[in-house]
Amino acid sequence: MTDVLLTVGTRKGLFVGRRHGGGSWEFDGPHFNAQAVYSIAIDTRRAVPRLLVGGDSAHWGPSVFHSDDLGKTWVEPPEPAVKFPEFTGRSLERVWQLHPAGPEAPDVVYAGTEPAALFRSEDGGMSFELVRPLWEHPTRSQWVPGGGGEGLHTIVTDPRDARAVTVAVSTAGVFRTRDGGESWAPANKGVSAVFLPDQHPEFGQCVHKIAQDPADPDRLYLQNHWGVYRSDDGGGEWQDIGDGLPSTFGFAAATHPRRPDTAYLFPITADSDRVPAGNKCRVYRTEDAGRSWDPLTAGLPPEAHYGTVLRDALCTDDADPAGVYFGNRNGELYASADDGDSWHLLASHLPDVLCVRAAVIRQ
């Protein structure tokens, strides 16, 4: 039987949904009551999928939890899984991203944090070590926090090469390594920074999200602070693909799990307003690598709408046809079971939705 697991991180805990075959959804939670859940990973590389969650308690601080029984029970390591070494003089404020590497590195999990840093685990997310060359990058002293803080919020790995990793930092831009993290170079050519005097710097762009095309790992989609871009060479150079969108500002980006050239965005009106473009709840899809964009509206509310979708609150699963999901700051959770062609409301009145992740669980 094939099940779909849907995890929803909110400002007040984690909700876990499960759909058996083609049946209805069943949800439980909140797990980690009153904790803000900014990061979730569903690691399906092992026989029993492992769930990883970055929780943020106002009292106890941030931590990384894991579950090997699909969320029935959770384990917190006796020592902090992610901890800044003493020499950095910094402490962990938040885990923004948890990213299992591909099959080329079956036990490797990466964590992106605030302060902006990359951590690497070789034991499936039980413990992490700081990737020092990025932390000590010569440009770091010039990194400036974005509106949401100085966070390393996106990690992309190459399924063909375990040594190739791309990260995005707000507001330092995109950096990539091709030698397993020993050296890092900015990868922002073509991405503008409209808020800087030099609008095309080597680094300093405010990147909001990067999504990788599963059919072509060298093809990346980037949602910027004003700007939507595509790279066909793994981030070496970017081209503007924002024509046809009601706004090129937004946070979220996702790709289809199998169909090449297919990506999803949720445009936002402006950096100062931060509501859905035109006050309409619409996901936009491209099926030709950004040459054109189409609004997906069937089943979404037609009236004026003000629910912003954050950078990790839009995702796809790997079902056939693909499920597409998003949650917003209104506490609404929407799902499509047909590649985004039609939508239905799964939940409402949730706490502020911060992160959504889904995966097919085959049993």
Protein backbone atom coordinates (compact mmCIF):
# COMPACT_ATOMS: atom_id res chain seq x y z
CA MET A 1 0.00 0.00 0.00
CA THR A 2 1.16 3.56 -0.72
CA ASP A 3 0.58 6.25 1.88
CA VAL A 4 1.35 9.94 1.70
CA LEU A 5 2.83 11.61 4.76
CA LEU A 6 2.25 15.35 5.16
CA THR A 7 4.02 17.30 7.89
CA VAL A 8 3.08 20.87 8.78
CA GLY A 9 5.30 23.01 10.98
CA THR A 10 3.58 25.93 12.65
CA ARG A 11 4.45 28.60 15.15
CA LYS A 12 2.85 26.42 17.83
CA GLY A 13 3.86 22.88 17.01
CA LEU A 14 3.92 20.19 14.34
CA PHE A 15 0.90 18.52 12.75
CA VAL A 16 1.26 15.18 10.95
CA GLY A 17 -1.18 14.04 8.29
CA ARG A 18 -1.45 10.69 6.58
CA ARG A 19 -3.52 9.53 3.63
CA HIS A 20 -3.95 5.80 3.10
CA GLY A 21 -4.10 4.96 -0.60
CA GLY A 22 -6.72 7.20 -2.16
CA GLY A 23 -8.61 7.70 1.09
CA SER A 24 -9.14 10.76 3.25
CA TRP A 25 -6.55 12.56 5.33
CA GLU A 26 -6.08 11.89 9.03
CA PHE A 27 -4.15 14.40 11.16
CA ASP A 28 -2.72 14.34 14.64
CA GLY A 29 -0.92 16.91 16.73
CA PRO A 30 0.29 19.28 17.70
CA HIS A 31 3.59 17.63 18.51
CA PHE A 32 6.10 19.93 20.26
CA ASN A 33 3.26 21.97 21.66
CA ALA A 34 4.01 25.73 21.75
CA GLN A 35 7.30 25.29 19.86
CA ALA A 36 7.84 27.02 16.53
CA VAL A 37 8.75 24.43 13.87
CA TYR A 38 10.70 26.10 11.08
CA SER A 39 12.33 23.02 9.53
CA ILE A 40 11.22 19.49 8.69
CA ALA A 41 12.86 16.69 6.71
CA ILE A 42 11.38 13.34 5.69
CA ASP A 43 14.34 11.05 5.05
CA THR A 44 13.09 8.19 2.86
CA ARG A 45 16.53 6.75 2.07
CA ARG A 46 16.31 4.13 4.82
CA ALA A 47 14.01 1.14 5.21
CA VAL A 48 11.99 3.01 7.84
CA PRO A 49 11.66 6.72 7.01
CA ARG A 50 13.13 9.10 9.56
CA LEU A 51 11.44 12.40 10.38
CA LEU A 52 13.67 15.27 11.48
CA VAL A 53 12.24 18.42 13.03
CA GLY A 54 13.86 21.67 14.08
CA GLY A 55 11.89 22.89 17.08
CA ASP A 56 12.29 26.28 18.72
CA SER A 57 11.11 26.59 22.30
CA ALA A 58 10.85 30.07 23.76
CA HIS A 59 11.91 28.57 27.11
CA TRP A 60 14.40 25.82 26.24
CA GLY A 61 15.75 27.17 22.95
CA PRO A 62 16.20 25.38 19.60
CA SER A 63 16.73 21.65 19.16
CA VAL A 64 16.56 18.90 16.52
CA PHE A 65 14.26 15.94 17.17
CA HIS A 66 13.85 12.72 15.19
CA SER A 67 11.25 9.97 14.85
CA ASP A 68 11.64 6.53 13.31
CA ASP A 69 7.96 5.58 13.61
CA LEU A 70 6.38 8.33 11.47
CA GLY A 71 5.85 10.69 14.34
CA LYS A 72 4.35 8.40 16.97
CA THR A 73 7.33 8.96 19.27
CA TRP A 74 10.16 11.49 19.21
CA VAL A 75 13.75 11.48 20.43
CA GLU A 76 15.86 14.45 21.43
CA PRO A 77 19.59 13.68 21.69
CA PRO A 78 21.05 14.03 25.20
CA GLU A 79 23.53 16.57 23.80
CA PRO A 80 22.48 19.31 21.37
CA ALA A 81 22.51 17.92 17.84
CA VAL A 82 23.46 21.32 16.39
CA LYS A 83 25.80 23.44 18.47
CA PHE A 84 28.19 26.23 17.53
CA PRO A 85 31.77 25.50 18.61
CA GLU A 86 33.09 27.74 21.36
CA PHE A 87 35.65 29.39 19.08
CA THR A 88 32.85 30.99 17.00
CA GLY A 89 31.58 33.00 19.95
CA ARG A 90 28.03 32.39 18.68
CA SER A 91 25.07 30.31 19.78
CA LEU A 92 22.30 28.65 17.81
CA GLU A 93 19.21 30.79 17.34
CA ARG A 94 17.27 28.62 14.89
CA VAL A 95 17.51 25.64 12.54
CA TRP A 96 16.12 27.00 9.27
CA GLN A 97 16.67 23.92 7.12
CA LEU A 98 17.14 20.15 7.44
CA HIS A 99 18.15 18.45 4.22
CA PRO A 100 18.95 14.76 3.71
CA ALA A 101 21.55 14.35 0.98
CA GLY A 102 20.80 12.06 -1.94
CA PRO A 103 21.48 8.34 -2.36
CA GLU A 104 25.12 9.11 -3.06
CA ALA A 105 25.55 9.92 0.66
CA PRO A 106 22.98 7.73 2.46
CA ASP A 107 23.70 8.83 6.04
CA VAL A 108 24.46 12.50 5.41
CA VAL A 109 22.03 15.19 6.54
CA TYR A 110 22.72 18.92 6.36
CA ALA A 111 21.37 21.64 8.63
CA GLY A 112 21.20 25.34 7.83
CA THR A 113 21.05 27.71 10.75
CA GLU A 114 20.82 31.20 12.10
CA PRO A 115 23.46 32.61 12.52
CA ALA A 116 24.05 31.64 8.91
CA ALA A 117 26.05 28.44 8.93
CA LEU A 118 26.04 24.97 7.42
CA PHE A 119 26.28 21.86 9.60
CA ARG A 120 26.83 18.30 8.38
CA SER A 121 25.72 15.03 9.96
CA GLU A 122 27.07 11.62 9.01
CA ASP A 123 24.76 9.64 11.31
CA GLY A 124 21.35 10.45 9.86
CA GLY A 125 20.84 13.67 11.78
CA MET A 126 21.74 12.52 15.28
CA SER A 127 24.75 14.85 15.55
CA PHE A 128 26.14 17.64 13.35
CA GLU A 129 29.47 19.37 12.84
CA LEU A 130 30.06 22.90 11.60
CA VAL A 131 31.34 23.21 8.02
CA ARG A 132 34.16 25.57 8.90
CA PRO A 133 35.29 26.72 5.43
CA LEU A 134 31.91 28.34 4.80
CA TRP A 135 31.77 29.80 8.30
CA GLU A 136 35.24 31.27 7.72
CA HIS A 137 34.54 32.48 4.18
CA PRO A 138 36.35 35.78 3.53
CA THR A 139 33.08 37.54 2.63
CA ARG A 140 31.32 36.65 5.88
CA SER A 141 32.11 39.92 7.63
CA GLN A 142 30.09 41.68 4.93
CA TRP A 143 26.99 39.48 5.18
CA VAL A 144 23.97 41.50 6.29
CA PRO A 145 20.88 39.95 7.93
CA GLY A 146 17.66 40.03 5.93
CA GLY A 147 14.29 41.02 7.32
CA GLY A 148 13.90 37.58 8.87
CA GLY A 149 17.45 37.40 10.23
CA GLU A 150 20.76 36.03 8.98
CA GLY A 151 19.76 32.51 8.03
CA LEU A 152 21.15 29.78 5.83
CA HIS A 153 17.73 28.62 4.70
CA THR A 154 18.27 26.52 1.55
CA ILE A 155 20.49 23.52 0.88
CA VAL A 156 20.64 21.73 -2.48
CA THR A 157 22.72 18.60 -3.06
CA ASP A 158 23.66 16.98 -6.36
CA PRO A 159 22.40 13.38 -6.62
CA ARG A 160 25.29 12.64 -9.01
CA ASP A 161 28.08 13.98 -6.83
CA ALA A 162 28.15 13.95 -3.03
CA ARG A 163 30.81 16.68 -3.03
CA ALA A 164 28.59 19.25 -4.79
CA VAL A 165 26.43 21.37 -2.46
CA THR A 166 24.68 24.70 -3.05
CA VAL A 167 23.35 26.91 -0.26
CA ALA A 168 21.44 30.19 -0.03
CA VAL A 169 21.87 32.75 2.73
CA SER A 170 19.74 35.78 3.50
CA THR A 171 21.13 38.23 2.49
CA ALA A 172 24.53 36.96 1.38
CA GLY A 173 23.25 35.14 -1.71
CA VAL A 174 24.12 31.77 -3.23
CA PHE A 175 27.35 29.90 -2.50
CA ARG A 176 28.44 26.52 -3.81
CA THR A 177 31.16 23.95 -3.27
CA ARG A 178 32.41 21.23 -5.61
CA ASP A 179 34.95 19.71 -3.24
CA GLY A 180 32.84 18.53 -0.33
CA GLY A 181 32.83 21.86 1.49
CA GLU A 182 36.56 22.53 1.53
CA SER A 183 36.09 25.67 -0.55
CA TRP A 184 33.09 27.86 -1.41
CA ALA A 185 32.46 30.43 -4.13
CA PRO A 186 29.62 32.92 -4.65
CA ALA A 187 27.22 31.82 -7.40
CA ASN A 188 25.06 34.89 -8.06
CA LYS A 189 25.93 35.96 -11.60
CA GLY A 190 22.81 37.47 -13.15
CA VAL A 191 20.85 37.84 -9.89
CA SER A 192 20.14 41.47 -9.03
CA ALA A 193 20.07 43.20 -5.68
CA VAL A 194 17.73 46.13 -6.31
CA PHE A 195 18.17 47.39 -2.76
CA LEU A 196 21.97 47.97 -3.12
CA PRO A 197 23.83 50.78 -4.89
CA ASP A 198 25.60 48.13 -6.99
CA GLN A 199 22.65 46.06 -8.13
CA HIS A 200 24.79 43.21 -9.51
CA PRO A 201 27.34 42.43 -6.79
CA GLU A 202 29.31 39.19 -6.51
CA PHE A 203 27.42 38.46 -3.28
CA GLY A 204 24.83 40.20 -1.10
CA GLN A 205 21.65 39.18 -2.93
CA CYS A 206 18.56 38.43 -0.85
CA VAL A 207 17.72 34.94 -2.05
CA HIS A 208 14.48 33.57 -0.63
CA LYS A 209 14.45 30.01 -2.02
CA ILE A 210 16.09 27.67 -4.55
CA ALA A 211 14.40 24.56 -5.98
CA GLN A 212 16.15 21.88 -8.04
CA ASP A 213 14.67 20.20 -11.11
CA PRO A 214 14.75 16.44 -10.33
CA ALA A 215 14.96 15.57 -14.02
CA ASP A 216 18.01 17.81 -14.53
CA PRO A 217 19.97 18.54 -11.32
CA ASP A 218 21.85 21.36 -13.07
CA ARG A 219 18.59 23.25 -13.54
CA LEU A 220 17.73 25.42 -10.54
CA TYR A 221 14.90 27.88 -9.92
CA LEU A 222 15.48 30.87 -7.65
CA GLN A 223 12.94 33.13 -5.97
CA ASN A 224 14.69 36.34 -5.02
CA HIS A 225 13.75 39.51 -3.17
CA TRP A 226 12.35 40.97 -6.40
CA GLY A 227 13.24 38.53 -9.15
CA VAL A 228 12.64 34.99 -10.38
CA TYR A 229 15.55 33.23 -12.07
CA ARG A 230 16.67 29.96 -13.62
CA SER A 231 20.11 28.45 -13.89
CA ASP A 232 20.96 25.66 -16.31
CA ASP A 233 24.49 25.12 -15.04
CA GLY A 234 24.05 24.47 -11.33
CA GLY A 235 24.16 28.12 -10.33
CA GLY A 236 27.04 29.30 -12.48
CA GLU A 237 24.84 31.83 -14.21
CA TRP A 238 21.20 32.90 -13.76
CA GLN A 239 18.64 34.29 -16.19
CA ASP A 240 15.49 36.23 -15.41
CA ILE A 241 12.27 34.24 -15.98
CA GLY A 242 9.84 36.58 -14.22
CA ASP A 243 7.82 37.66 -17.27
CA GLY A 244 4.20 36.56 -16.99
CA LEU A 245 4.03 36.68 -13.18
CA PRO A 246 1.88 39.25 -11.36
CA SER A 247 4.85 39.96 -9.07
CA THR A 248 8.45 38.75 -9.02
CA PHE A 249 8.59 39.07 -5.24
CA GLY A 250 7.84 35.99 -3.17
CA PHE A 251 9.31 33.46 -0.79
CA ALA A 252 8.43 29.93 -1.87
CA ALA A 253 9.56 27.79 -4.82
CA ALA A 254 9.08 24.09 -5.54
CA THR A 255 9.53 21.71 -8.47
CA HIS A 256 7.62 18.74 -9.83
CA PRO A 257 9.10 15.44 -8.60
CA ARG A 258 9.41 13.91 -12.10
CA ARG A 259 8.20 16.24 -14.82
CA PRO A 260 11.08 18.32 -16.25
CA ASP A 261 10.83 22.09 -16.63
CA THR A 262 7.95 22.29 -14.13
CA ALA A 263 8.08 24.58 -11.11
CA TYR A 264 5.66 26.30 -8.72
CA LEU A 265 5.70 29.75 -7.09
CA PHE A 266 3.40 31.81 -4.87
CA PRO A 267 3.85 35.50 -5.84
CA ILE A 268 3.63 38.18 -3.17
CA THR A 269 2.65 41.81 -3.82
CA ALA A 270 5.75 43.55 -2.44
CA ASP A 271 8.45 43.44 0.17
CA SER A 272 6.66 46.11 2.23
CA ASP A 273 3.12 44.73 1.83
CA ARG A 274 3.74 40.96 1.80
CA VAL A 275 0.28 39.73 0.85
CA PRO A 276 -0.66 37.55 -2.14
CA ALA A 277 -0.19 39.34 -5.45
CA GLY A 278 -3.40 41.15 -6.34
CA ASN A 279 -4.86 39.88 -3.06
CA LYS A 280 -5.52 36.57 -4.83
CA CYS A 281 -4.70 33.11 -3.47
CA ARG A 282 -2.95 31.67 -6.54
CA VAL A 283 -0.12 29.27 -7.17
CA TYR A 284 1.69 29.84 -10.47
CA ARG A 285 3.14 26.95 -12.47
CA THR A 286 5.53 26.85 -15.38
CA GLU A 287 5.80 23.78 -17.59
CA ASP A 288 8.42 25.22 -19.92
CA ALA A 289 11.21 26.19 -17.52
CA GLY A 290 9.91 29.70 -16.89
CA ARG A 291 9.16 30.83 -20.43
CA SER A 292 5.51 31.14 -19.41
CA TRP A 293 3.51 30.96 -16.18
CA ASP A 294 -0.10 29.93 -15.53
CA PRO A 295 -2.21 30.67 -12.44
CA LEU A 296 -3.64 27.61 -10.71
CA THR A 297 -6.93 28.67 -9.14
CA ALA A 298 -9.43 25.78 -9.24
CA GLY A 299 -10.63 25.23 -5.70
CA LEU A 300 -8.76 28.20 -4.21
CA PRO A 301 -10.76 31.09 -2.70
CA PRO A 302 -11.80 33.63 -5.37
CA GLU A 303 -12.38 36.48 -2.93
CA ALA A 304 -9.72 38.85 -1.60
CA HIS A 305 -7.10 36.87 0.29
CA TYR A 306 -4.23 37.87 2.54
CA GLY A 307 -2.51 34.61 3.50
CA THR A 308 1.23 34.84 2.79
CA VAL A 309 3.10 31.63 1.95
CA LEU A 310 6.58 31.49 3.48
CA ARG A 311 9.69 30.04 1.85
CA ASP A 312 9.31 26.46 3.11
CA ALA A 313 5.52 26.33 3.17
CA LEU A 314 5.12 25.14 -0.46
CA CYS A 315 6.16 21.62 -1.47
CA THR A 316 5.44 18.59 -3.64
CA ASP A 317 5.42 14.88 -2.88
CA ASP A 318 6.61 12.12 -5.23
CA ALA A 319 3.24 10.53 -5.97
CA ASP A 320 1.92 10.00 -9.50
CA PRO A 321 0.23 12.36 -10.21
CA ALA A 322 2.15 14.61 -7.85
CA GLY A 323 0.66 16.14 -4.77
CA VAL A 324 1.28 19.85 -4.28
CA TYR A 325 0.76 21.51 -0.89
CA PHE A 326 0.99 24.93 0.71
CA GLY A 327 0.16 26.52 4.02
CA ASN A 328 -0.12 30.20 4.84
CA ARG A 329 0.06 32.66 7.68
CA ASN A 330 -3.74 32.56 7.96
CA GLY A 331 -3.39 29.00 9.25
CA GLU A 332 -4.86 27.43 6.11
CA LEU A 333 -3.50 24.27 4.48
CA TYR A 334 -4.30 23.50 0.84
CA ALA A 335 -3.55 20.38 -1.21
CA SER A 336 -3.71 19.29 -4.83
CA ALA A 337 -3.63 15.63 -5.82
CA ASP A 338 -3.30 16.32 -9.56
CA ASP A 339 -0.07 18.28 -10.12
CA GLY A 340 -1.73 21.53 -9.03
CA ASP A 341 -4.66 21.49 -11.47
CA SER A 342 -7.24 21.59 -8.65
CA TRP A 343 -7.09 22.31 -4.92
CA HIS A 344 -9.00 21.67 -1.73
CA LEU A 345 -8.72 22.97 1.80
CA LEU A 346 -7.28 20.38 4.19
CA ALA A 347 -7.26 22.45 7.36
CA SER A 348 -8.00 25.96 8.59
CA HIS A 349 -7.43 27.93 11.77
CA LEU A 350 -4.04 26.34 12.34
CA PRO A 351 -1.33 28.44 13.92
CA ASP A 352 0.85 30.43 11.52
CA VAL A 353 2.20 27.84 9.00
CA LEU A 354 6.00 27.99 8.68
CA CYS A 355 6.98 24.78 6.88
CA VAL A 356 5.29 22.01 4.89
CA ARG A 357 6.90 18.74 3.77
CA ALA A 358 5.36 15.65 2.13
CA ALA A 359 6.52 12.28 0.87
CA VAL A 360 5.15 8.98 -0.37
CA ILE A 361 5.63 6.17 2.15
CA ARG A 362 5.61 2.75 0.51
CA GLN A 363 4.86 -0.21 2.75
